[in-house]
Amino acid sequence: MPPEFLRRRNALWKSLRSLPPQSPEFGEVLRELSALTGWDRARILAGLGHEGALTEPEA
């Protein structure tokens, strides 16, 4: 993987960890990370440990 991809991916994960899950910014970053990695919302949320958030509808 190119270094630019890894830097962007890691920055997005870091942002998600620092944002409240109910914030609009969280949803935006989650969608961006999903588009970058090809992972769906549930997989990303599980990776963050947000098991209870898996049932939330996508914004």
N, C-alpha and C. Protein backbone atom coordinates (compact mmCIF):
# COMPACT_ATOMS: atom_id res chain seq x y z
N MET A 1 0.84 -1.17 0.00
CA MET A 1 0.00 0.00 0.00
C MET A 1 0.89 1.24 0.00
N PRO A 2 0.49 2.22 -0.76
CA PRO A 2 1.28 3.46 -0.80
C PRO A 2 1.26 4.18 0.55
N PRO A 3 2.34 4.84 0.89
CA PRO A 3 2.40 5.55 2.18
C PRO A 3 1.28 6.58 2.34
N GLU A 4 0.87 7.23 1.26
CA GLU A 4 -0.19 8.24 1.35
C GLU A 4 -1.50 7.59 1.81
N PHE A 5 -1.79 6.40 1.28
CA PHE A 5 -2.99 5.67 1.66
C PHE A 5 -2.96 5.35 3.15
N LEU A 6 -1.84 4.82 3.61
CA LEU A 6 -1.71 4.44 5.02
C LEU A 6 -1.81 5.65 5.94
N ARG A 7 -1.20 6.76 5.56
CA ARG A 7 -1.28 7.97 6.38
C ARG A 7 -2.72 8.46 6.48
N ARG A 8 -3.43 8.48 5.34
CA ARG A 8 -4.82 8.95 5.33
C ARG A 8 -5.71 8.01 6.14
N ARG A 9 -5.54 6.71 5.94
CA ARG A 9 -6.34 5.72 6.66
C ARG A 9 -6.13 5.87 8.17
N ASN A 10 -4.88 5.98 8.58
CA ASN A 10 -4.58 6.10 10.01
C ASN A 10 -5.13 7.40 10.59
N ALA A 11 -5.06 8.47 9.82
CA ALA A 11 -5.59 9.76 10.28
C ALA A 11 -7.11 9.68 10.46
N LEU A 12 -7.78 8.97 9.57
CA LEU A 12 -9.23 8.83 9.68
C LEU A 12 -9.60 7.99 10.90
N TRP A 13 -8.88 6.89 11.14
CA TRP A 13 -9.13 6.08 12.35
C TRP A 13 -8.91 6.93 13.60
N LYS A 14 -7.85 7.71 13.62
CA LYS A 14 -7.55 8.56 14.78
C LYS A 14 -8.69 9.56 15.01
N SER A 15 -9.18 10.15 13.92
CA SER A 15 -10.29 11.09 14.05
C SER A 15 -11.52 10.42 14.61
N LEU A 16 -11.85 9.23 14.11
CA LEU A 16 -13.04 8.52 14.60
C LEU A 16 -12.92 8.22 16.09
N ARG A 17 -11.74 7.88 16.54
CA ARG A 17 -11.55 7.57 17.97
C ARG A 17 -11.76 8.80 18.85
N SER A 18 -11.54 9.99 18.29
CA SER A 18 -11.62 11.20 19.10
C SER A 18 -12.98 11.90 19.02
N LEU A 19 -13.84 11.47 18.11
CA LEU A 19 -15.13 12.14 17.92
C LEU A 19 -16.26 11.37 18.61
N PRO A 20 -17.27 12.09 19.12
CA PRO A 20 -18.44 11.39 19.67
C PRO A 20 -19.22 10.74 18.53
N PRO A 21 -19.66 9.50 18.71
CA PRO A 21 -20.34 8.77 17.62
C PRO A 21 -21.62 9.45 17.10
N GLN A 22 -22.25 10.29 17.90
CA GLN A 22 -23.48 10.94 17.47
C GLN A 22 -23.23 12.24 16.69
N SER A 23 -21.99 12.66 16.60
CA SER A 23 -21.70 13.93 15.93
C SER A 23 -21.75 13.79 14.42
N PRO A 24 -22.13 14.86 13.73
CA PRO A 24 -22.14 14.83 12.26
C PRO A 24 -20.75 14.57 11.69
N GLU A 25 -19.72 15.08 12.36
CA GLU A 25 -18.36 14.88 11.90
C GLU A 25 -17.98 13.40 11.90
N PHE A 26 -18.44 12.67 12.94
CA PHE A 26 -18.16 11.24 13.03
C PHE A 26 -18.71 10.53 11.79
N GLY A 27 -19.95 10.85 11.43
CA GLY A 27 -20.56 10.24 10.26
C GLY A 27 -19.81 10.55 8.97
N GLU A 28 -19.34 11.77 8.85
CA GLU A 28 -18.59 12.16 7.66
C GLU A 28 -17.27 11.39 7.56
N VAL A 29 -16.55 11.33 8.67
CA VAL A 29 -15.26 10.63 8.69
C VAL A 29 -15.48 9.13 8.45
N LEU A 30 -16.53 8.58 9.06
CA LEU A 30 -16.84 7.17 8.87
C LEU A 30 -17.09 6.87 7.39
N ARG A 31 -17.87 7.71 6.73
CA ARG A 31 -18.14 7.51 5.29
C ARG A 31 -16.86 7.62 4.47
N GLU A 32 -16.01 8.56 4.83
CA GLU A 32 -14.74 8.71 4.10
C GLU A 32 -13.85 7.49 4.28
N LEU A 33 -13.76 7.00 5.51
CA LEU A 33 -12.95 5.80 5.78
C LEU A 33 -13.53 4.59 5.05
N SER A 34 -14.84 4.49 5.03
CA SER A 34 -15.50 3.39 4.32
C SER A 34 -15.18 3.43 2.83
N ALA A 35 -15.25 4.61 2.24
CA ALA A 35 -14.94 4.76 0.82
C ALA A 35 -13.47 4.43 0.53
N LEU A 36 -12.60 4.82 1.44
CA LEU A 36 -11.17 4.59 1.25
C LEU A 36 -10.80 3.11 1.38
N THR A 37 -11.39 2.43 2.37
CA THR A 37 -10.98 1.06 2.67
C THR A 37 -11.88 -0.01 2.05
N GLY A 38 -13.10 0.37 1.71
CA GLY A 38 -14.06 -0.61 1.21
C GLY A 38 -14.78 -1.35 2.33
N TRP A 39 -14.53 -0.95 3.58
CA TRP A 39 -15.20 -1.57 4.73
C TRP A 39 -16.57 -0.94 4.90
N ASP A 40 -17.56 -1.75 5.34
CA ASP A 40 -18.88 -1.19 5.59
C ASP A 40 -18.92 -0.58 7.00
N ARG A 41 -20.03 0.14 7.24
CA ARG A 41 -20.21 0.85 8.51
C ARG A 41 -20.07 -0.08 9.72
N ALA A 42 -20.72 -1.23 9.67
CA ALA A 42 -20.70 -2.16 10.79
C ALA A 42 -19.29 -2.63 11.11
N ARG A 43 -18.51 -2.89 10.10
CA ARG A 43 -17.14 -3.36 10.32
C ARG A 43 -16.28 -2.28 10.96
N ILE A 44 -16.44 -1.06 10.51
CA ILE A 44 -15.67 0.05 11.08
C ILE A 44 -16.08 0.29 12.53
N LEU A 45 -17.38 0.32 12.78
CA LEU A 45 -17.85 0.53 14.15
C LEU A 45 -17.39 -0.59 15.07
N ALA A 46 -17.41 -1.82 14.58
CA ALA A 46 -16.92 -2.93 15.39
C ALA A 46 -15.43 -2.76 15.69
N GLY A 47 -14.69 -2.27 14.71
CA GLY A 47 -13.26 -2.02 14.90
C GLY A 47 -12.99 -0.96 15.95
N LEU A 48 -13.95 -0.07 16.13
CA LEU A 48 -13.82 0.98 17.14
C LEU A 48 -14.36 0.54 18.49
N GLY A 49 -15.01 -0.62 18.52
CA GLY A 49 -15.60 -1.11 19.77
C GLY A 49 -16.97 -0.53 20.05
N HIS A 50 -17.62 0.02 19.04
CA HIS A 50 -18.96 0.60 19.19
C HIS A 50 -20.02 -0.43 18.85
N GLU A 51 -20.03 -1.53 19.58
CA GLU A 51 -20.96 -2.61 19.30
C GLU A 51 -22.42 -2.14 19.34
N GLY A 52 -22.78 -1.30 20.30
CA GLY A 52 -24.15 -0.83 20.41
C GLY A 52 -24.56 0.09 19.27
N ALA A 53 -23.60 0.69 18.60
CA ALA A 53 -23.90 1.62 17.52
C ALA A 53 -24.17 0.92 16.20
N LEU A 54 -24.02 -0.39 16.17
CA LEU A 54 -24.20 -1.12 14.91
C LEU A 54 -25.62 -1.05 14.39
N THR A 55 -26.59 -0.78 15.25
CA THR A 55 -27.96 -0.75 14.80
C THR A 55 -28.40 0.65 14.36
N GLU A 56 -27.57 1.64 14.52
CA GLU A 56 -27.91 2.99 14.10
C GLU A 56 -28.01 3.07 12.59
N PRO A 57 -29.02 3.75 12.06
CA PRO A 57 -29.13 3.90 10.62
C PRO A 57 -28.03 4.81 10.09
N GLU A 58 -27.65 4.60 8.85
CA GLU A 58 -26.66 5.47 8.23
C GLU A 58 -27.30 6.81 7.94
N ALA A 59 -26.55 7.88 8.13
CA ALA A 59 -27.07 9.23 7.89
C ALA A 59 -26.95 9.59 6.42
